[in-house]
Amino acid sequence: MTDLTYLSNQVLDAIRNTPEYAEFIRLLNQLRENPELYARVDEMRDKNFLIQQGDIGDPYDMMDALTNEYEDVINNKSVGEFINAEVALCRMIHEFNRNVTAGLEIE
């Protein structure tokens, strides 16, 4: 095992031991207890990702349409808690990635 592989495994263990990850997993498991709601949340997240990543039209109009289509999902308290936990986890990982790349001379 290379040093980098070993260190990346340590980083994974460190992430798995954060309160952000624990909360994300707790809420994910809670959401999975309702398969229909979980499926709707997953659809919404997929569509949101495509809107954010693609050149498929006016993103503002598309986000409005997405909000209207999934209004019942967005207004669900457990979904809101899950999305907030997911965002917190992603921010933590993003900050880690930013710190790593800032220390490298990549152009």
C-alpha atoms as a PDB file:
ATOM      1  CA  MET A   1       0.000   0.000   0.000  1.00  0.00           C
ATOM      2  CA  THR A   2       1.413   3.373  -0.958  1.00  0.00           C
ATOM      3  CA  ASP A   3       1.717   6.177   1.569  1.00  0.00           C
ATOM      4  CA  LEU A   4      -1.007   8.089  -0.270  1.00  0.00           C
ATOM      5  CA  THR A   5      -3.399   5.144  -0.149  1.00  0.00           C
ATOM      6  CA  TYR A   6      -2.741   4.746   3.548  1.00  0.00           C
ATOM      7  CA  LEU A   7      -3.276   8.454   4.174  1.00  0.00           C
ATOM      8  CA  SER A   8      -6.461   8.544   2.096  1.00  0.00           C
ATOM      9  CA  ASN A   9      -7.823   5.687   4.192  1.00  0.00           C
ATOM     10  CA  GLN A  10      -6.999   7.702   7.311  1.00  0.00           C
ATOM     11  CA  VAL A  11      -8.859  10.682   5.875  1.00  0.00           C
ATOM     12  CA  LEU A  12     -11.865   8.458   5.153  1.00  0.00           C
ATOM     13  CA  ASP A  13     -11.833   7.193   8.714  1.00  0.00           C
ATOM     14  CA  ALA A  14     -11.569  10.769  10.000  1.00  0.00           C
ATOM     15  CA  ILE A  15     -14.550  11.868   7.874  1.00  0.00           C
ATOM     16  CA  ARG A  16     -16.601   8.877   9.018  1.00  0.00           C
ATOM     17  CA  ASN A  17     -15.933   9.926  12.620  1.00  0.00           C
ATOM     18  CA  THR A  18     -17.185  13.506  12.227  1.00  0.00           C
ATOM     19  CA  PRO A  19     -20.497  14.687  13.651  1.00  0.00           C
ATOM     20  CA  GLU A  20     -21.449  15.896  10.153  1.00  0.00           C
ATOM     21  CA  TYR A  21     -21.095  12.406   8.692  1.00  0.00           C
ATOM     22  CA  ALA A  22     -22.874  10.777  11.643  1.00  0.00           C
ATOM     23  CA  GLU A  23     -25.808  13.167  11.273  1.00  0.00           C
ATOM     24  CA  PHE A  24     -25.944  12.638   7.504  1.00  0.00           C
ATOM     25  CA  ILE A  25     -26.024   8.848   7.905  1.00  0.00           C
ATOM     26  CA  ARG A  26     -28.632   9.029  10.677  1.00  0.00           C
ATOM     27  CA  LEU A  27     -30.936  11.176   8.559  1.00  0.00           C
ATOM     28  CA  LEU A  28     -30.282   9.137   5.416  1.00  0.00           C
ATOM     29  CA  ASN A  29     -31.289   5.943   7.218  1.00  0.00           C
ATOM     30  CA  GLN A  30     -34.358   7.688   8.621  1.00  0.00           C
ATOM     31  CA  LEU A  31     -35.323   8.838   5.134  1.00  0.00           C
ATOM     32  CA  ARG A  32     -34.815   5.343   3.696  1.00  0.00           C
ATOM     33  CA  GLU A  33     -37.503   4.088   6.089  1.00  0.00           C
ATOM     34  CA  ASN A  34     -39.991   5.768   3.746  1.00  0.00           C
ATOM     35  CA  PRO A  35     -39.047   4.337   0.308  1.00  0.00           C
ATOM     36  CA  GLU A  36     -41.520   6.501  -1.625  1.00  0.00           C
ATOM     37  CA  LEU A  37     -40.258   9.729  -0.058  1.00  0.00           C
ATOM     38  CA  TYR A  38     -36.642   8.605  -0.435  1.00  0.00           C
ATOM     39  CA  ALA A  39     -37.236   7.933  -4.151  1.00  0.00           C
ATOM     40  CA  ARG A  40     -38.755  11.405  -4.616  1.00  0.00           C
ATOM     41  CA  VAL A  41     -35.845  13.042  -2.798  1.00  0.00           C
ATOM     42  CA  ASP A  42     -33.387  11.108  -4.938  1.00  0.00           C
ATOM     43  CA  GLU A  43     -35.190  12.180  -8.134  1.00  0.00           C
ATOM     44  CA  MET A  44     -35.174  15.795  -6.980  1.00  0.00           C
ATOM     45  CA  ARG A  45     -31.471  15.689  -6.146  1.00  0.00           C
ATOM     46  CA  ASP A  46     -30.660  14.158  -9.546  1.00  0.00           C
ATOM     47  CA  LYS A  47     -32.645  16.818 -11.392  1.00  0.00           C
ATOM     48  CA  ASN A  48     -31.117  19.573  -9.279  1.00  0.00           C
ATOM     49  CA  PHE A  49     -27.633  18.284 -10.099  1.00  0.00           C
ATOM     50  CA  LEU A  50     -28.405  18.232 -13.833  1.00  0.00           C
ATOM     51  CA  ILE A  51     -29.700  21.799 -13.690  1.00  0.00           C
ATOM     52  CA  GLN A  52     -26.586  22.979 -11.877  1.00  0.00           C
ATOM     53  CA  GLN A  53     -24.192  21.150 -14.192  1.00  0.00           C
ATOM     54  CA  GLY A  54     -25.808  21.456 -17.568  1.00  0.00           C
ATOM     55  CA  ASP A  55     -26.502  23.890 -20.325  1.00  0.00           C
ATOM     56  CA  ILE A  56     -30.089  22.777 -20.685  1.00  0.00           C
ATOM     57  CA  GLY A  57     -31.932  26.072 -20.607  1.00  0.00           C
ATOM     58  CA  ASP A  58     -32.499  28.927 -18.215  1.00  0.00           C
ATOM     59  CA  PRO A  59     -31.419  27.622 -14.801  1.00  0.00           C
ATOM     60  CA  TYR A  60     -33.738  30.017 -12.955  1.00  0.00           C
ATOM     61  CA  ASP A  61     -36.795  28.801 -14.863  1.00  0.00           C
ATOM     62  CA  MET A  62     -35.715  25.212 -14.396  1.00  0.00           C
ATOM     63  CA  MET A  63     -35.200  25.672 -10.657  1.00  0.00           C
ATOM     64  CA  ASP A  64     -38.646  27.253 -10.375  1.00  0.00           C
ATOM     65  CA  ALA A  65     -40.128  24.266 -12.186  1.00  0.00           C
ATOM     66  CA  LEU A  66     -38.196  21.873  -9.948  1.00  0.00           C
ATOM     67  CA  THR A  67     -39.410  23.705  -6.846  1.00  0.00           C
ATOM     68  CA  ASN A  68     -42.998  23.490  -8.044  1.00  0.00           C
ATOM     69  CA  GLU A  69     -42.709  19.818  -8.979  1.00  0.00           C
ATOM     70  CA  TYR A  70     -41.222  18.827  -5.620  1.00  0.00           C
ATOM     71  CA  GLU A  71     -42.941  21.342  -3.351  1.00  0.00           C
ATOM     72  CA  ASP A  72     -44.328  18.571  -1.137  1.00  0.00           C
ATOM     73  CA  VAL A  73     -40.841  17.085  -0.769  1.00  0.00           C
ATOM     74  CA  ILE A  74     -39.135  20.414  -0.124  1.00  0.00           C
ATOM     75  CA  ASN A  75     -41.630  21.303   2.610  1.00  0.00           C
ATOM     76  CA  ASN A  76     -41.158  17.989   4.426  1.00  0.00           C
ATOM     77  CA  LYS A  77     -39.289  18.616   7.697  1.00  0.00           C
ATOM     78  CA  SER A  78     -37.271  15.379   7.591  1.00  0.00           C
ATOM     79  CA  VAL A  79     -36.219  16.085   4.004  1.00  0.00           C
ATOM     80  CA  GLY A  80     -35.086  19.577   4.970  1.00  0.00           C
ATOM     81  CA  GLU A  81     -33.008  18.178   7.817  1.00  0.00           C
ATOM     82  CA  PHE A  82     -31.478  15.592   5.485  1.00  0.00           C
ATOM     83  CA  ILE A  83     -30.625  18.173   2.819  1.00  0.00           C
ATOM     84  CA  ASN A  84     -29.052  20.449   5.446  1.00  0.00           C
ATOM     85  CA  ALA A  85     -26.950  17.554   6.753  1.00  0.00           C
ATOM     86  CA  GLU A  86     -25.907  16.656   3.224  1.00  0.00           C
ATOM     87  CA  VAL A  87     -24.869  20.250   2.525  1.00  0.00           C
ATOM     88  CA  ALA A  88     -22.852  20.388   5.762  1.00  0.00           C
ATOM     89  CA  LEU A  89     -21.041  17.171   4.846  1.00  0.00           C
ATOM     90  CA  CYS A  90     -20.360  18.384   1.300  1.00  0.00           C
ATOM     91  CA  ARG A  91     -19.018  21.714   2.600  1.00  0.00           C
ATOM     92  CA  MET A  92     -16.652  19.883   4.917  1.00  0.00           C
ATOM     93  CA  ILE A  93     -15.380  17.678   2.081  1.00  0.00           C
ATOM     94  CA  HIS A  94     -15.135  20.681  -0.240  1.00  0.00           C
ATOM     95  CA  GLU A  95     -13.053  22.560   2.331  1.00  0.00           C
ATOM     96  CA  PHE A  96     -10.749  19.556   2.674  1.00  0.00           C
ATOM     97  CA  ASN A  97     -10.332  19.343  -1.110  1.00  0.00           C
ATOM     98  CA  ARG A  98      -9.677  23.079  -1.325  1.00  0.00           C
ATOM     99  CA  ASN A  99      -6.969  22.790   1.340  1.00  0.00           C
ATOM    100  CA  VAL A 100      -5.288  19.910  -0.511  1.00  0.00           C
ATOM    101  CA  THR A 101      -5.354  21.602  -3.906  1.00  0.00           C
ATOM    102  CA  ALA A 102      -4.214  24.938  -2.452  1.00  0.00           C
ATOM    103  CA  GLY A 103      -1.021  23.252  -1.320  1.00  0.00           C
ATOM    104  CA  LEU A 104      -0.241  21.913  -4.806  1.00  0.00           C
ATOM    105  CA  GLU A 105       1.120  23.746  -7.809  1.00  0.00           C
ATOM    106  CA  ILE A 106      -1.607  22.829 -10.255  1.00  0.00           C
ATOM    107  CA  GLU A 107      -2.387  25.147 -13.130  1.00  0.00           C
END
